[in-house]
Amino acid sequence: MEILEGISWGLLAPVLIIQLILLIVSLVDLTRIEKTNGPKWLWVLIILFVNIIGPILYFVIGRRNE
């Protein structure tokens, strides 16, 4: 528990909130869009397991602009 006492929550909380918002928005968008660049199941794994970068990669690379 001593490890948690040394964390500056004032600096970490905004990053966690941004990560959660990106995760939710990208998963909702993925369910609503019909076609993506690559299989949807792969994008779900990337969004969930590649923390902040996964949702950003989805919005930059994964969406089709048609």
PDB file of N, CA and C in Angstrom:
ATOM      1  N   MET A   1       0.803  -1.188   0.000  1.00  0.00           N
ATOM      2  CA  MET A   1       0.000   0.000   0.000  1.00  0.00           C
ATOM      3  C   MET A   1       0.853   1.261   0.000  1.00  0.00           C
ATOM      4  N   GLU A   2       2.118   1.131   0.340  1.00  0.00           N
ATOM      5  CA  GLU A   2       3.006   2.291   0.333  1.00  0.00           C
ATOM      6  C   GLU A   2       3.228   2.808  -1.086  1.00  0.00           C
ATOM      7  N   ILE A   3       3.102   1.932  -2.065  1.00  0.00           N
ATOM      8  CA  ILE A   3       3.279   2.334  -3.463  1.00  0.00           C
ATOM      9  C   ILE A   3       2.181   3.303  -3.862  1.00  0.00           C
ATOM     10  N   LEU A   4       0.955   3.045  -3.435  1.00  0.00           N
ATOM     11  CA  LEU A   4      -0.169   3.905  -3.794  1.00  0.00           C
ATOM     12  C   LEU A   4      -0.095   5.271  -3.126  1.00  0.00           C
ATOM     13  N   GLU A   5       0.583   5.367  -2.000  1.00  0.00           N
ATOM     14  CA  GLU A   5       0.704   6.648  -1.308  1.00  0.00           C
ATOM     15  C   GLU A   5       1.634   7.603  -2.049  1.00  0.00           C
ATOM     16  N   GLY A   6       2.570   7.082  -2.816  1.00  0.00           N
ATOM     17  CA  GLY A   6       3.528   7.918  -3.520  1.00  0.00           C
ATOM     18  C   GLY A   6       3.040   8.435  -4.863  1.00  0.00           C
ATOM     19  N   ILE A   7       1.870   7.992  -5.311  1.00  0.00           N
ATOM     20  CA  ILE A   7       1.344   8.395  -6.615  1.00  0.00           C
ATOM     21  C   ILE A   7       0.669   9.749  -6.508  1.00  0.00           C
ATOM     22  N   SER A   8       0.957  10.614  -7.460  1.00  0.00           N
ATOM     23  CA  SER A   8       0.309  11.917  -7.523  1.00  0.00           C
ATOM     24  C   SER A   8      -0.999  11.773  -8.294  1.00  0.00           C
ATOM     25  N   TRP A   9      -2.093  11.632  -7.571  1.00  0.00           N
ATOM     26  CA  TRP A   9      -3.389  11.386  -8.204  1.00  0.00           C
ATOM     27  C   TRP A   9      -3.886  12.600  -8.972  1.00  0.00           C
ATOM     28  N   GLY A  10      -3.435  13.783  -8.617  1.00  0.00           N
ATOM     29  CA  GLY A  10      -3.832  14.982  -9.344  1.00  0.00           C
ATOM     30  C   GLY A  10      -3.309  14.991 -10.766  1.00  0.00           C
ATOM     31  N   LEU A  11      -2.179  14.358 -11.002  1.00  0.00           N
ATOM     32  CA  LEU A  11      -1.624  14.263 -12.350  1.00  0.00           C
ATOM     33  C   LEU A  11      -2.126  13.033 -13.090  1.00  0.00           C
ATOM     34  N   LEU A  12      -2.418  11.979 -12.383  1.00  0.00           N
ATOM     35  CA  LEU A  12      -2.814  10.729 -13.002  1.00  0.00           C
ATOM     36  C   LEU A  12      -4.304  10.677 -13.354  1.00  0.00           C
ATOM     37  N   ALA A  13      -5.147  11.333 -12.593  1.00  0.00           N
ATOM     38  CA  ALA A  13      -6.595  11.276 -12.813  1.00  0.00           C
ATOM     39  C   ALA A  13      -7.014  11.790 -14.188  1.00  0.00           C
ATOM     40  N   PRO A  14      -6.515  12.929 -14.694  1.00  0.00           N
ATOM     41  CA  PRO A  14      -6.926  13.364 -16.033  1.00  0.00           C
ATOM     42  C   PRO A  14      -6.542  12.376 -17.133  1.00  0.00           C
ATOM     43  N   VAL A  15      -5.400  11.740 -17.006  1.00  0.00           N
ATOM     44  CA  VAL A  15      -4.969  10.757 -18.002  1.00  0.00           C
ATOM     45  C   VAL A  15      -5.911   9.551 -17.985  1.00  0.00           C
ATOM     46  N   LEU A  16      -6.295   9.099 -16.816  1.00  0.00           N
ATOM     47  CA  LEU A  16      -7.224   7.971 -16.714  1.00  0.00           C
ATOM     48  C   LEU A  16      -8.603   8.325 -17.256  1.00  0.00           C
ATOM     49  N   ILE A  17      -9.061   9.539 -17.020  1.00  0.00           N
ATOM     50  CA  ILE A  17     -10.359   9.974 -17.531  1.00  0.00           C
ATOM     51  C   ILE A  17     -10.334  10.066 -19.048  1.00  0.00           C
ATOM     52  N   ILE A  18      -9.267  10.621 -19.603  1.00  0.00           N
ATOM     53  CA  ILE A  18      -9.128  10.710 -21.064  1.00  0.00           C
ATOM     54  C   ILE A  18      -9.089   9.320 -21.674  1.00  0.00           C
ATOM     55  N   GLN A  19      -8.363   8.407 -21.047  1.00  0.00           N
ATOM     56  CA  GLN A  19      -8.283   7.035 -21.541  1.00  0.00           C
ATOM     57  C   GLN A  19      -9.660   6.375 -21.533  1.00  0.00           C
ATOM     58  N   LEU A  20     -10.428   6.550 -20.481  1.00  0.00           N
ATOM     59  CA  LEU A  20     -11.755   5.954 -20.383  1.00  0.00           C
ATOM     60  C   LEU A  20     -12.693   6.540 -21.435  1.00  0.00           C
ATOM     61  N   ILE A  21     -12.650   7.846 -21.643  1.00  0.00           N
ATOM     62  CA  ILE A  21     -13.501   8.485 -22.650  1.00  0.00           C
ATOM     63  C   ILE A  21     -13.146   7.989 -24.045  1.00  0.00           C
ATOM     64  N   LEU A  22     -11.852   7.927 -24.371  1.00  0.00           N
ATOM     65  CA  LEU A  22     -11.427   7.418 -25.671  1.00  0.00           C
ATOM     66  C   LEU A  22     -11.880   5.972 -25.876  1.00  0.00           C
ATOM     67  N   LEU A  23     -11.765   5.168 -24.850  1.00  0.00           N
ATOM     68  CA  LEU A  23     -12.166   3.764 -24.931  1.00  0.00           C
ATOM     69  C   LEU A  23     -13.658   3.640 -25.233  1.00  0.00           C
ATOM     70  N   ILE A  24     -14.482   4.363 -24.511  1.00  0.00           N
ATOM     71  CA  ILE A  24     -15.934   4.273 -24.691  1.00  0.00           C
ATOM     72  C   ILE A  24     -16.350   4.795 -26.056  1.00  0.00           C
ATOM     73  N   VAL A  25     -15.833   5.954 -26.450  1.00  0.00           N
ATOM     74  CA  VAL A  25     -16.213   6.557 -27.723  1.00  0.00           C
ATOM     75  C   VAL A  25     -15.784   5.676 -28.897  1.00  0.00           C
ATOM     76  N   SER A  26     -14.588   5.119 -28.831  1.00  0.00           N
ATOM     77  CA  SER A  26     -14.125   4.288 -29.939  1.00  0.00           C
ATOM     78  C   SER A  26     -14.910   2.979 -30.033  1.00  0.00           C
ATOM     79  N   LEU A  27     -15.268   2.367 -28.914  1.00  0.00           N
ATOM     80  CA  LEU A  27     -16.060   1.139 -28.965  1.00  0.00           C
ATOM     81  C   LEU A  27     -17.479   1.407 -29.466  1.00  0.00           C
ATOM     82  N   VAL A  28     -18.072   2.520 -29.062  1.00  0.00           N
ATOM     83  CA  VAL A  28     -19.407   2.871 -29.563  1.00  0.00           C
ATOM     84  C   VAL A  28     -19.347   3.128 -31.064  1.00  0.00           C
ATOM     85  N   ASP A  29     -18.334   3.858 -31.513  1.00  0.00           N
ATOM     86  CA  ASP A  29     -18.189   4.131 -32.943  1.00  0.00           C
ATOM     87  C   ASP A  29     -17.961   2.845 -33.725  1.00  0.00           C
ATOM     88  N   LEU A  30     -17.187   1.937 -33.173  1.00  0.00           N
ATOM     89  CA  LEU A  30     -16.916   0.666 -33.848  1.00  0.00           C
ATOM     90  C   LEU A  30     -18.187  -0.161 -34.016  1.00  0.00           C
ATOM     91  N   THR A  31     -19.083  -0.113 -33.043  1.00  0.00           N
ATOM     92  CA  THR A  31     -20.324  -0.874 -33.170  1.00  0.00           C
ATOM     93  C   THR A  31     -21.280  -0.234 -34.173  1.00  0.00           C
ATOM     94  N   ARG A  32     -21.213   1.069 -34.350  1.00  0.00           N
ATOM     95  CA  ARG A  32     -22.134   1.753 -35.255  1.00  0.00           C
ATOM     96  C   ARG A  32     -21.676   1.757 -36.705  1.00  0.00           C
ATOM     97  N   ILE A  33     -20.392   1.686 -36.952  1.00  0.00           N
ATOM     98  CA  ILE A  33     -19.863   1.771 -38.315  1.00  0.00           C
ATOM     99  C   ILE A  33     -19.976   0.396 -38.975  1.00  0.00           C
ATOM    100  N   GLU A  34     -20.254   0.398 -40.287  1.00  0.00           N
ATOM    101  CA  GLU A  34     -20.428  -0.881 -40.988  1.00  0.00           C
ATOM    102  C   GLU A  34     -19.103  -1.501 -41.415  1.00  0.00           C
ATOM    103  N   LYS A  35     -18.228  -0.707 -42.035  1.00  0.00           N
ATOM    104  CA  LYS A  35     -16.982  -1.245 -42.571  1.00  0.00           C
ATOM    105  C   LYS A  35     -15.790  -0.544 -41.926  1.00  0.00           C
ATOM    106  N   THR A  36     -14.769  -1.342 -41.661  1.00  0.00           N
ATOM    107  CA  THR A  36     -13.529  -0.815 -41.110  1.00  0.00           C
ATOM    108  C   THR A  36     -12.361  -1.317 -41.952  1.00  0.00           C
ATOM    109  N   ASN A  37     -11.217  -0.743 -41.735  1.00  0.00           N
ATOM    110  CA  ASN A  37      -9.992  -1.248 -42.360  1.00  0.00           C
ATOM    111  C   ASN A  37      -9.484  -2.394 -41.497  1.00  0.00           C
ATOM    112  N   GLY A  38      -9.863  -3.598 -41.838  1.00  0.00           N
ATOM    113  CA  GLY A  38      -9.503  -4.775 -41.051  1.00  0.00           C
ATOM    114  C   GLY A  38     -10.728  -5.310 -40.338  1.00  0.00           C
ATOM    115  N   PRO A  39     -10.602  -6.491 -39.744  1.00  0.00           N
ATOM    116  CA  PRO A  39     -11.744  -7.095 -39.051  1.00  0.00           C
ATOM    117  C   PRO A  39     -12.088  -6.355 -37.757  1.00  0.00           C
ATOM    118  N   LYS A  40     -13.378  -6.309 -37.452  1.00  0.00           N
ATOM    119  CA  LYS A  40     -13.834  -5.599 -36.253  1.00  0.00           C
ATOM    120  C   LYS A  40     -13.303  -6.245 -34.976  1.00  0.00           C
ATOM    121  N   TRP A  41     -13.230  -7.566 -34.937  1.00  0.00           N
ATOM    122  CA  TRP A  41     -12.758  -8.231 -33.722  1.00  0.00           C
ATOM    123  C   TRP A  41     -11.332  -7.844 -33.391  1.00  0.00           C
ATOM    124  N   LEU A  42     -10.525  -7.607 -34.434  1.00  0.00           N
ATOM    125  CA  LEU A  42      -9.146  -7.192 -34.206  1.00  0.00           C
ATOM    126  C   LEU A  42      -9.091  -5.779 -33.635  1.00  0.00           C
ATOM    127  N   TRP A  43      -9.965  -4.896 -34.137  1.00  0.00           N
ATOM    128  CA  TRP A  43     -10.011  -3.529 -33.614  1.00  0.00           C
ATOM    129  C   TRP A  43     -10.490  -3.506 -32.166  1.00  0.00           C
ATOM    130  N   VAL A  44     -11.395  -4.395 -31.808  1.00  0.00           N
ATOM    131  CA  VAL A  44     -11.832  -4.473 -30.408  1.00  0.00           C
ATOM    132  C   VAL A  44     -10.651  -4.830 -29.518  1.00  0.00           C
ATOM    133  N   LEU A  45      -9.855  -5.804 -29.928  1.00  0.00           N
ATOM    134  CA  LEU A  45      -8.678  -6.198 -29.139  1.00  0.00           C
ATOM    135  C   LEU A  45      -7.664  -5.063 -29.040  1.00  0.00           C
ATOM    136  N   ILE A  46      -7.432  -4.361 -30.155  1.00  0.00           N
ATOM    137  CA  ILE A  46      -6.479  -3.253 -30.144  1.00  0.00           C
ATOM    138  C   ILE A  46      -6.968  -2.143 -29.227  1.00  0.00           C
ATOM    139  N   ILE A  47      -8.248  -1.801 -29.318  1.00  0.00           N
ATOM    140  CA  ILE A  47      -8.799  -0.728 -28.488  1.00  0.00           C
ATOM    141  C   ILE A  47      -8.728  -1.091 -27.005  1.00  0.00           C
ATOM    142  N   LEU A  48      -9.032  -2.330 -26.675  1.00  0.00           N
ATOM    143  CA  LEU A  48      -9.063  -2.728 -25.267  1.00  0.00           C
ATOM    144  C   LEU A  48      -7.685  -2.927 -24.651  1.00  0.00           C
ATOM    145  N   PHE A  49      -6.746  -3.484 -25.411  1.00  0.00           N
ATOM    146  CA  PHE A  49      -5.484  -3.881 -24.806  1.00  0.00           C
ATOM    147  C   PHE A  49      -4.301  -2.961 -25.088  1.00  0.00           C
ATOM    148  N   VAL A  50      -4.437  -2.036 -26.020  1.00  0.00           N
ATOM    149  CA  VAL A  50      -3.361  -1.073 -26.267  1.00  0.00           C
ATOM    150  C   VAL A  50      -3.874   0.265 -25.749  1.00  0.00           C
ATOM    151  N   ASN A  51      -3.738   0.472 -24.469  1.00  0.00           N
ATOM    152  CA  ASN A  51      -4.406   1.502 -23.683  1.00  0.00           C
ATOM    153  C   ASN A  51      -4.758   2.793 -24.415  1.00  0.00           C
ATOM    154  N   ILE A  52      -3.994   3.833 -24.316  1.00  0.00           N
ATOM    155  CA  ILE A  52      -4.372   5.127 -24.907  1.00  0.00           C
ATOM    156  C   ILE A  52      -4.142   5.122 -26.412  1.00  0.00           C
ATOM    157  N   ILE A  53      -3.143   4.430 -26.875  1.00  0.00           N
ATOM    158  CA  ILE A  53      -2.797   4.441 -28.293  1.00  0.00           C
ATOM    159  C   ILE A  53      -3.804   3.651 -29.132  1.00  0.00           C
ATOM    160  N   GLY A  54      -4.425   2.607 -28.599  1.00  0.00           N
ATOM    161  CA  GLY A  54      -5.366   1.778 -29.339  1.00  0.00           C
ATOM    162  C   GLY A  54      -6.550   2.544 -29.909  1.00  0.00           C
ATOM    163  N   PRO A  55      -7.287   3.299 -29.082  1.00  0.00           N
ATOM    164  CA  PRO A  55      -8.394   4.078 -29.637  1.00  0.00           C
ATOM    165  C   PRO A  55      -7.945   5.144 -30.634  1.00  0.00           C
ATOM    166  N   ILE A  56      -6.793   5.735 -30.403  1.00  0.00           N
ATOM    167  CA  ILE A  56      -6.278   6.744 -31.344  1.00  0.00           C
ATOM    168  C   ILE A  56      -5.945   6.080 -32.668  1.00  0.00           C
ATOM    169  N   LEU A  57      -5.328   4.908 -32.633  1.00  0.00           N
ATOM    170  CA  LEU A  57      -5.036   4.169 -33.866  1.00  0.00           C
ATOM    171  C   LEU A  57      -6.310   3.823 -34.614  1.00  0.00           C
ATOM    172  N   TYR A  58      -7.362   3.466 -33.878  1.00  0.00           N
ATOM    173  CA  TYR A  58      -8.629   3.141 -34.529  1.00  0.00           C
ATOM    174  C   TYR A  58      -9.168   4.353 -35.286  1.00  0.00           C
ATOM    175  N   PHE A  59      -9.157   5.519 -34.654  1.00  0.00           N
ATOM    176  CA  PHE A  59      -9.704   6.702 -35.316  1.00  0.00           C
ATOM    177  C   PHE A  59      -8.839   7.164 -36.483  1.00  0.00           C
ATOM    178  N   VAL A  60      -7.540   6.947 -36.419  1.00  0.00           N
ATOM    179  CA  VAL A  60      -6.647   7.385 -37.494  1.00  0.00           C
ATOM    180  C   VAL A  60      -6.592   6.361 -38.629  1.00  0.00           C
ATOM    181  N   ILE A  61      -6.475   5.080 -38.306  1.00  0.00           N
ATOM    182  CA  ILE A  61      -6.248   4.046 -39.307  1.00  0.00           C
ATOM    183  C   ILE A  61      -7.485   3.187 -39.571  1.00  0.00           C
ATOM    184  N   GLY A  62      -8.238   2.861 -38.549  1.00  0.00           N
ATOM    185  CA  GLY A  62      -9.281   1.852 -38.646  1.00  0.00           C
ATOM    186  C   GLY A  62     -10.556   2.251 -39.355  1.00  0.00           C
ATOM    187  N   ARG A  63     -10.902   3.510 -39.326  1.00  0.00           N
ATOM    188  CA  ARG A  63     -12.153   3.943 -39.944  1.00  0.00           C
ATOM    189  C   ARG A  63     -11.970   4.137 -41.434  1.00  0.00           C
ATOM    190  N   ARG A  64     -12.972   3.731 -42.197  1.00  0.00           N
ATOM    191  CA  ARG A  64     -12.970   3.960 -43.647  1.00  0.00           C
ATOM    192  C   ARG A  64     -13.650   5.281 -43.939  1.00  0.00           C
ATOM    193  N   ASN A  65     -13.069   6.058 -44.800  1.00  0.00           N
ATOM    194  CA  ASN A  65     -13.662   7.328 -45.198  1.00  0.00           C
ATOM    195  C   ASN A  65     -14.340   7.178 -46.542  1.00  0.00           C
ATOM    196  N   GLU A  66     -15.567   6.697 -46.522  1.00  0.00           N
ATOM    197  CA  GLU A  66     -16.318   6.525 -47.769  1.00  0.00           C
ATOM    198  C   GLU A  66     -17.588   7.332 -47.741  1.00  0.00           C
TER     199      GLU A  66
END
